PDB file of N, CA and C in Angstrom:
ATOM      1  N   MET A   1       6.865  -3.905   8.793  1.00  0.00           N
ATOM      2  CA  MET A   1       6.107  -4.152   7.590  1.00  0.00           C
ATOM      3  C   MET A   1       5.262  -5.396   7.770  1.00  0.00           C
ATOM      4  N   ALA A   2       4.127  -5.379   7.131  1.00  0.00           N
ATOM      5  CA  ALA A   2       3.223  -6.508   7.275  1.00  0.00           C
ATOM      6  C   ALA A   2       2.793  -7.004   5.913  1.00  0.00           C
ATOM      7  N   ALA A   3       2.382  -8.242   5.850  1.00  0.00           N
ATOM      8  CA  ALA A   3       1.944  -8.827   4.593  1.00  0.00           C
ATOM      9  C   ALA A   3       0.604  -8.252   4.184  1.00  0.00           C
ATOM     10  N   GLY A   4       0.343  -8.226   2.876  1.00  0.00           N
ATOM     11  CA  GLY A   4      -0.921  -7.729   2.362  1.00  0.00           C
ATOM     12  C   GLY A   4      -1.959  -8.824   2.359  1.00  0.00           C
ATOM     13  N   GLY A   5      -3.174  -8.464   1.983  1.00  0.00           N
ATOM     14  CA  GLY A   5      -4.239  -9.448   1.884  1.00  0.00           C
ATOM     15  C   GLY A   5      -5.568  -8.862   2.279  1.00  0.00           C
ATOM     16  N   ALA A   6      -6.614  -9.639   2.077  1.00  0.00           N
ATOM     17  CA  ALA A   6      -7.961  -9.150   2.332  1.00  0.00           C
ATOM     18  C   ALA A   6      -8.221  -8.909   3.808  1.00  0.00           C
ATOM     19  N   ASP A   7      -7.438  -9.517   4.688  1.00  0.00           N
ATOM     20  CA  ASP A   7      -7.627  -9.313   6.112  1.00  0.00           C
ATOM     21  C   ASP A   7      -6.978  -8.016   6.584  1.00  0.00           C
ATOM     22  N   ARG A   8      -6.269  -7.342   5.700  1.00  0.00           N
ATOM     23  CA  ARG A   8      -5.577  -6.101   6.029  1.00  0.00           C
ATOM     24  C   ARG A   8      -6.434  -4.909   5.679  1.00  0.00           C
ATOM     25  N   GLU A   9      -6.238  -3.849   6.382  1.00  0.00           N
ATOM     26  CA  GLU A   9      -6.909  -2.595   6.082  1.00  0.00           C
ATOM     27  C   GLU A   9      -5.922  -1.703   5.347  1.00  0.00           C
ATOM     28  N   PHE A  10      -6.350  -1.142   4.250  1.00  0.00           N
ATOM     29  CA  PHE A  10      -5.545  -0.191   3.499  1.00  0.00           C
ATOM     30  C   PHE A  10      -6.322   1.107   3.422  1.00  0.00           C
ATOM     31  N   ALA A  11      -5.601   2.214   3.342  1.00  0.00           N
ATOM     32  CA  ALA A  11      -6.226   3.524   3.220  1.00  0.00           C
ATOM     33  C   ALA A  11      -5.428   4.362   2.237  1.00  0.00           C
ATOM     34  N   ALA A  12      -6.092   5.322   1.609  1.00  0.00           N
ATOM     35  CA  ALA A  12      -5.396   6.244   0.720  1.00  0.00           C
ATOM     36  C   ALA A  12      -4.254   6.891   1.485  1.00  0.00           C
ATOM     37  N   GLY A  13      -3.104   6.956   0.850  1.00  0.00           N
ATOM     38  CA  GLY A  13      -1.925   7.540   1.481  1.00  0.00           C
ATOM     39  C   GLY A  13      -0.966   6.520   2.055  1.00  0.00           C
ATOM     40  N   ASP A  14      -1.412   5.258   2.219  1.00  0.00           N
ATOM     41  CA  ASP A  14      -0.521   4.210   2.723  1.00  0.00           C
ATOM     42  C   ASP A  14       0.606   3.974   1.734  1.00  0.00           C
ATOM     43  N   LYS A  15       1.798   3.810   2.242  1.00  0.00           N
ATOM     44  CA  LYS A  15       2.939   3.461   1.403  1.00  0.00           C
ATOM     45  C   LYS A  15       3.064   1.945   1.390  1.00  0.00           C
ATOM     46  N   VAL A  16       3.217   1.390   0.183  1.00  0.00           N
ATOM     47  CA  VAL A  16       3.305  -0.059   0.028  1.00  0.00           C
ATOM     48  C   VAL A  16       4.489  -0.411  -0.853  1.00  0.00           C
ATOM     49  N   ALA A  17       4.878  -1.686  -0.813  1.00  0.00           N
ATOM     50  CA  ALA A  17       5.938  -2.185  -1.674  1.00  0.00           C
ATOM     51  C   ALA A  17       5.439  -3.424  -2.392  1.00  0.00           C
ATOM     52  N   HIS A  18       5.730  -3.504  -3.685  1.00  0.00           N
ATOM     53  CA  HIS A  18       5.376  -4.649  -4.522  1.00  0.00           C
ATOM     54  C   HIS A  18       6.685  -5.201  -5.079  1.00  0.00           C
ATOM     55  N   PRO A  19       6.839  -6.542  -5.129  1.00  0.00           N
ATOM     56  CA  PRO A  19       8.117  -7.117  -5.564  1.00  0.00           C
ATOM     57  C   PRO A  19       8.507  -6.788  -7.003  1.00  0.00           C
ATOM     58  N   LYS A  20       7.549  -6.519  -7.870  1.00  0.00           N
ATOM     59  CA  LYS A  20       7.869  -6.212  -9.267  1.00  0.00           C
ATOM     60  C   LYS A  20       7.955  -4.715  -9.521  1.00  0.00           C
ATOM     61  N   TRP A  21       7.006  -3.934  -8.962  1.00  0.00           N
ATOM     62  CA  TRP A  21       6.906  -2.517  -9.283  1.00  0.00           C
ATOM     63  C   TRP A  21       7.523  -1.601  -8.244  1.00  0.00           C
ATOM     64  N   GLY A  22       8.003  -2.139  -7.135  1.00  0.00           N
ATOM     65  CA  GLY A  22       8.678  -1.331  -6.121  1.00  0.00           C
ATOM     66  C   GLY A  22       7.722  -0.632  -5.176  1.00  0.00           C
ATOM     67  N   GLU A  23       8.163   0.522  -4.673  1.00  0.00           N
ATOM     68  CA  GLU A  23       7.379   1.269  -3.690  1.00  0.00           C
ATOM     69  C   GLU A  23       6.336   2.125  -4.376  1.00  0.00           C
ATOM     70  N   GLY A  24       5.170   2.203  -3.745  1.00  0.00           N
ATOM     71  CA  GLY A  24       4.095   3.018  -4.281  1.00  0.00           C
ATOM     72  C   GLY A  24       3.232   3.572  -3.166  1.00  0.00           C
ATOM     73  N   VAL A  25       2.255   4.379  -3.546  1.00  0.00           N
ATOM     74  CA  VAL A  25       1.342   4.996  -2.589  1.00  0.00           C
ATOM     75  C   VAL A  25      -0.089   4.655  -2.997  1.00  0.00           C
ATOM     76  N   VAL A  26      -0.887   4.200  -2.032  1.00  0.00           N
ATOM     77  CA  VAL A  26      -2.290   3.886  -2.290  1.00  0.00           C
ATOM     78  C   VAL A  26      -3.021   5.193  -2.580  1.00  0.00           C
ATOM     79  N   VAL A  27      -3.674   5.238  -3.753  1.00  0.00           N
ATOM     80  CA  VAL A  27      -4.419   6.422  -4.172  1.00  0.00           C
ATOM     81  C   VAL A  27      -5.875   6.308  -3.747  1.00  0.00           C
ATOM     82  N   SER A  28      -6.453   5.101  -3.900  1.00  0.00           N
ATOM     83  CA  SER A  28      -7.843   4.907  -3.492  1.00  0.00           C
ATOM     84  C   SER A  28      -8.087   3.452  -3.143  1.00  0.00           C
ATOM     85  N   VAL A  29      -9.132   3.238  -2.353  1.00  0.00           N
ATOM     86  CA  VAL A  29      -9.533   1.900  -1.907  1.00  0.00           C
ATOM     87  C   VAL A  29     -11.025   1.755  -2.165  1.00  0.00           C
ATOM     88  N   LYS A  30     -11.406   0.640  -2.820  1.00  0.00           N
ATOM     89  CA  LYS A  30     -12.826   0.351  -3.055  1.00  0.00           C
ATOM     90  C   LYS A  30     -13.116  -1.039  -2.534  1.00  0.00           C
ATOM     91  N   GLY A  31     -14.279  -1.229  -1.950  1.00  0.00           N
ATOM     92  CA  GLY A  31     -14.714  -2.544  -1.508  1.00  0.00           C
ATOM     93  C   GLY A  31     -14.084  -2.965  -0.191  1.00  0.00           C
ATOM     94  N   THR A  32     -14.421  -4.204   0.199  1.00  0.00           N
ATOM     95  CA  THR A  32     -13.899  -4.774   1.443  1.00  0.00           C
ATOM     96  C   THR A  32     -13.602  -6.245   1.232  1.00  0.00           C
ATOM     97  N   GLY A  33     -12.897  -6.835   2.174  1.00  0.00           N
ATOM     98  CA  GLY A  33     -12.605  -8.270   2.135  1.00  0.00           C
ATOM     99  C   GLY A  33     -11.955  -8.701   0.836  1.00  0.00           C
ATOM    100  N   ASN A  34     -12.426  -9.831   0.268  1.00  0.00           N
ATOM    101  CA  ASN A  34     -11.847 -10.368  -0.962  1.00  0.00           C
ATOM    102  C   ASN A  34     -12.076  -9.472  -2.174  1.00  0.00           C
ATOM    103  N   ASP A  35     -12.996  -8.517  -2.074  1.00  0.00           N
ATOM    104  CA  ASP A  35     -13.300  -7.616  -3.186  1.00  0.00           C
ATOM    105  C   ASP A  35     -12.602  -6.263  -3.066  1.00  0.00           C
ATOM    106  N   MET A  36     -11.706  -6.116  -2.085  1.00  0.00           N
ATOM    107  CA  MET A  36     -11.023  -4.839  -1.899  1.00  0.00           C
ATOM    108  C   MET A  36     -10.081  -4.582  -3.076  1.00  0.00           C
ATOM    109  N   GLU A  37     -10.307  -3.459  -3.770  1.00  0.00           N
ATOM    110  CA  GLU A  37      -9.474  -3.070  -4.904  1.00  0.00           C
ATOM    111  C   GLU A  37      -8.691  -1.819  -4.532  1.00  0.00           C
ATOM    112  N   LEU A  38      -7.404  -1.851  -4.811  1.00  0.00           N
ATOM    113  CA  LEU A  38      -6.526  -0.725  -4.506  1.00  0.00           C
ATOM    114  C   LEU A  38      -6.040  -0.095  -5.800  1.00  0.00           C
ATOM    115  N   GLN A  39      -6.006   1.218  -5.841  1.00  0.00           N
ATOM    116  CA  GLN A  39      -5.310   1.922  -6.910  1.00  0.00           C
ATOM    117  C   GLN A  39      -4.032   2.433  -6.278  1.00  0.00           C
ATOM    118  N   ILE A  40      -2.911   2.024  -6.864  1.00  0.00           N
ATOM    119  CA  ILE A  40      -1.608   2.359  -6.294  1.00  0.00           C
ATOM    120  C   ILE A  40      -0.775   3.087  -7.335  1.00  0.00           C
ATOM    121  N   ALA A  41      -0.196   4.213  -6.942  1.00  0.00           N
ATOM    122  CA  ALA A  41       0.675   4.986  -7.820  1.00  0.00           C
ATOM    123  C   ALA A  41       2.109   4.545  -7.596  1.00  0.00           C
ATOM    124  N   PHE A  42       2.709   3.961  -8.636  1.00  0.00           N
ATOM    125  CA  PHE A  42       4.102   3.554  -8.613  1.00  0.00           C
ATOM    126  C   PHE A  42       4.909   4.556  -9.439  1.00  0.00           C
ATOM    127  N   PRO A  43       6.230   4.618  -9.216  1.00  0.00           N
ATOM    128  CA  PRO A  43       7.055   5.548  -9.995  1.00  0.00           C
ATOM    129  C   PRO A  43       7.006   5.227 -11.488  1.00  0.00           C
ATOM    130  N   ALA A  44       7.266   6.238 -12.321  1.00  0.00           N
ATOM    131  CA  ALA A  44       7.345   6.053 -13.768  1.00  0.00           C
ATOM    132  C   ALA A  44       8.446   5.044 -14.081  1.00  0.00           C
ATOM    133  N   PRO A  45       8.294   4.216 -15.038  1.00  0.00           N
ATOM    134  CA  PRO A  45       7.246   4.230 -16.054  1.00  0.00           C
ATOM    135  C   PRO A  45       6.024   3.385 -15.684  1.00  0.00           C
ATOM    136  N   THR A  46       5.977   2.817 -14.497  1.00  0.00           N
ATOM    137  CA  THR A  46       4.878   1.920 -14.121  1.00  0.00           C
ATOM    138  C   THR A  46       3.555   2.656 -14.003  1.00  0.00           C
ATOM    139  N   GLY A  47       3.518   3.749 -13.268  1.00  0.00           N
ATOM    140  CA  GLY A  47       2.291   4.530 -13.121  1.00  0.00           C
ATOM    141  C   GLY A  47       1.294   3.902 -12.169  1.00  0.00           C
ATOM    142  N   ILE A  48       0.015   4.175 -12.382  1.00  0.00           N
ATOM    143  CA  ILE A  48      -1.044   3.703 -11.488  1.00  0.00           C
ATOM    144  C   ILE A  48      -1.491   2.304 -11.896  1.00  0.00           C
ATOM    145  N   LYS A  49      -1.590   1.428 -10.903  1.00  0.00           N
ATOM    146  CA  LYS A  49      -2.054   0.049 -11.104  1.00  0.00           C
ATOM    147  C   LYS A  49      -3.272  -0.191 -10.227  1.00  0.00           C
ATOM    148  N   ARG A  50      -4.233  -0.944 -10.750  1.00  0.00           N
ATOM    149  CA  ARG A  50      -5.392  -1.382  -9.960  1.00  0.00           C
ATOM    150  C   ARG A  50      -5.168  -2.842  -9.591  1.00  0.00           C
ATOM    151  N   LEU A  51      -5.154  -3.117  -8.295  1.00  0.00           N
ATOM    152  CA  LEU A  51      -4.855  -4.462  -7.795  1.00  0.00           C
ATOM    153  C   LEU A  51      -5.879  -4.878  -6.754  1.00  0.00           C
ATOM    154  N   LEU A  52      -6.208  -6.164  -6.732  1.00  0.00           N
ATOM    155  CA  LEU A  52      -7.008  -6.697  -5.639  1.00  0.00           C
ATOM    156  C   LEU A  52      -6.084  -6.897  -4.446  1.00  0.00           C
ATOM    157  N   ALA A  53      -6.494  -6.425  -3.290  1.00  0.00           N
ATOM    158  CA  ALA A  53      -5.648  -6.509  -2.094  1.00  0.00           C
ATOM    159  C   ALA A  53      -5.337  -7.949  -1.720  1.00  0.00           C
ATOM    160  N   VAL A  54      -6.228  -8.882  -2.055  1.00  0.00           N
ATOM    161  CA  VAL A  54      -6.045 -10.276  -1.677  1.00  0.00           C
ATOM    162  C   VAL A  54      -4.971 -10.962  -2.544  1.00  0.00           C
ATOM    163  N   LEU A  55      -4.694 -10.453  -3.744  1.00  0.00           N
ATOM    164  CA  LEU A  55      -3.802 -11.154  -4.666  1.00  0.00           C
ATOM    165  C   LEU A  55      -2.332 -10.755  -4.610  1.00  0.00           C
ATOM    166  N   PRO A  56      -1.991  -9.487  -4.711  1.00  0.00           N
ATOM    167  CA  PRO A  56      -0.568  -9.169  -4.798  1.00  0.00           C
ATOM    168  C   PRO A  56       0.148  -9.331  -3.458  1.00  0.00           C
ATOM    169  N   PRO A  57       1.397  -9.645  -3.531  1.00  0.00           N
ATOM    170  CA  PRO A  57       2.180  -9.741  -2.289  1.00  0.00           C
ATOM    171  C   PRO A  57       2.624  -8.356  -1.821  1.00  0.00           C
ATOM    172  N   LEU A  58       1.677  -7.522  -1.467  1.00  0.00           N
ATOM    173  CA  LEU A  58       1.980  -6.161  -1.021  1.00  0.00           C
ATOM    174  C   LEU A  58       2.455  -6.148   0.419  1.00  0.00           C
ATOM    175  N   ARG A  59       3.355  -5.238   0.698  1.00  0.00           N
ATOM    176  CA  ARG A  59       3.770  -4.970   2.072  1.00  0.00           C
ATOM    177  C   ARG A  59       3.469  -3.506   2.333  1.00  0.00           C
ATOM    178  N   ARG A  60       2.882  -3.230   3.478  1.00  0.00           N
ATOM    179  CA  ARG A  60       2.596  -1.843   3.849  1.00  0.00           C
ATOM    180  C   ARG A  60       3.674  -1.381   4.805  1.00  0.00           C
ATOM    181  N   PHE A  61       4.186  -0.180   4.548  1.00  0.00           N
ATOM    182  CA  PHE A  61       5.172   0.406   5.446  1.00  0.00           C
ATOM    183  C   PHE A  61       4.447   1.000   6.633  1.00  0.00           C
ATOM    184  N   GLU A  62       4.826   0.599   7.816  1.00  0.00           N
ATOM    185  CA  GLU A  62       4.220   1.152   9.027  1.00  0.00           C
ATOM    186  C   GLU A  62       4.941   2.452   9.360  1.00  0.00           C
ATOM    187  N   ALA A  63       4.173   3.482   9.613  1.00  0.00           N
ATOM    188  CA  ALA A  63       4.759   4.770   9.977  1.00  0.00           C
ATOM    189  C   ALA A  63       5.176   4.732  11.436  1.00  0.00           C
ATOM    190  N   ALA A  64       6.321   5.275  11.707  1.00  0.00           N
ATOM    191  CA  ALA A  64       6.824   5.333  13.080  1.00  0.00           C
ATOM    192  C   ALA A  64       7.114   6.786  13.435  1.00  0.00           C
ATOM    193  N   ARG A  65       6.772   7.161  14.619  1.00  0.00           N
ATOM    194  CA  ARG A  65       7.026   8.538  15.057  1.00  0.00           C
ATOM    195  C   ARG A  65       8.436   8.637  15.631  1.00  0.00           C
ATOM    196  N   ASN A  66       9.145   9.679  15.193  1.00  0.00           N
ATOM    197  CA  ASN A  66      10.475   9.889  15.750  1.00  0.00           C
ATOM    198  C   ASN A  66      10.361  10.724  17.026  1.00  0.00           C
ATOM    199  N   MET A  67      11.480  11.075  17.621  1.00  0.00           N
ATOM    200  CA  MET A  67      11.454  11.765  18.898  1.00  0.00           C
ATOM    201  C   MET A  67      10.830  13.163  18.802  1.00  0.00           C
ATOM    202  N   ASN A  68      10.778  13.744  17.600  1.00  0.00           N
ATOM    203  CA  ASN A  68      10.177  15.058  17.434  1.00  0.00           C
ATOM    204  C   ASN A  68       8.683  14.976  17.169  1.00  0.00           C
ATOM    205  N   GLY A  69       8.123  13.767  17.153  1.00  0.00           N
ATOM    206  CA  GLY A  69       6.705  13.607  16.916  1.00  0.00           C
ATOM    207  C   GLY A  69       6.325  13.536  15.457  1.00  0.00           C
ATOM    208  N   LYS A  70       7.321  13.650  14.564  1.00  0.00           N
ATOM    209  CA  LYS A  70       7.041  13.591  13.136  1.00  0.00           C
ATOM    210  C   LYS A  70       6.987  12.137  12.690  1.00  0.00           C
ATOM    211  N   ILE A  71       6.189  11.888  11.669  1.00  0.00           N
ATOM    212  CA  ILE A  71       6.063  10.520  11.152  1.00  0.00           C
ATOM    213  C   ILE A  71       7.160  10.290  10.124  1.00  0.00           C
ATOM    214  N   SER A  72       7.823   9.152  10.252  1.00  0.00           N
ATOM    215  CA  SER A  72       8.848   8.777   9.287  1.00  0.00           C
ATOM    216  C   SER A  72       8.658   7.324   8.906  1.00  0.00           C
ATOM    217  N   ASP A  73       9.099   6.953   7.711  1.00  0.00           N
ATOM    218  CA  ASP A  73       9.051   5.562   7.279  1.00  0.00           C
ATOM    219  C   ASP A  73      10.302   4.869   7.779  1.00  0.00           C
ATOM    220  N   GLY A  74      10.113   3.750   8.386  1.00  0.00           N
ATOM    221  CA  GLY A  74      11.329   3.104   8.826  1.00  0.00           C
ATOM    222  C   GLY A  74      11.154   2.041   9.765  1.00  0.00           C
TER     223      GLY A  74
END
């Protein structure tokens, strides 16, 4: 896992973790650098949040391939 921020690249489908709202999935990404805005879907009752990538302490889960070639979180 890596720290979030404007120097990081995010893409739709990335799994992230936020200390308050838990695990979520990036729905969309707009802008770049300090203006990068993420829409992230968190579990109910939180729902979708719009966050600047530079501000929240987001962690992105890195996908790892298992021995069968499938992608797993871990």
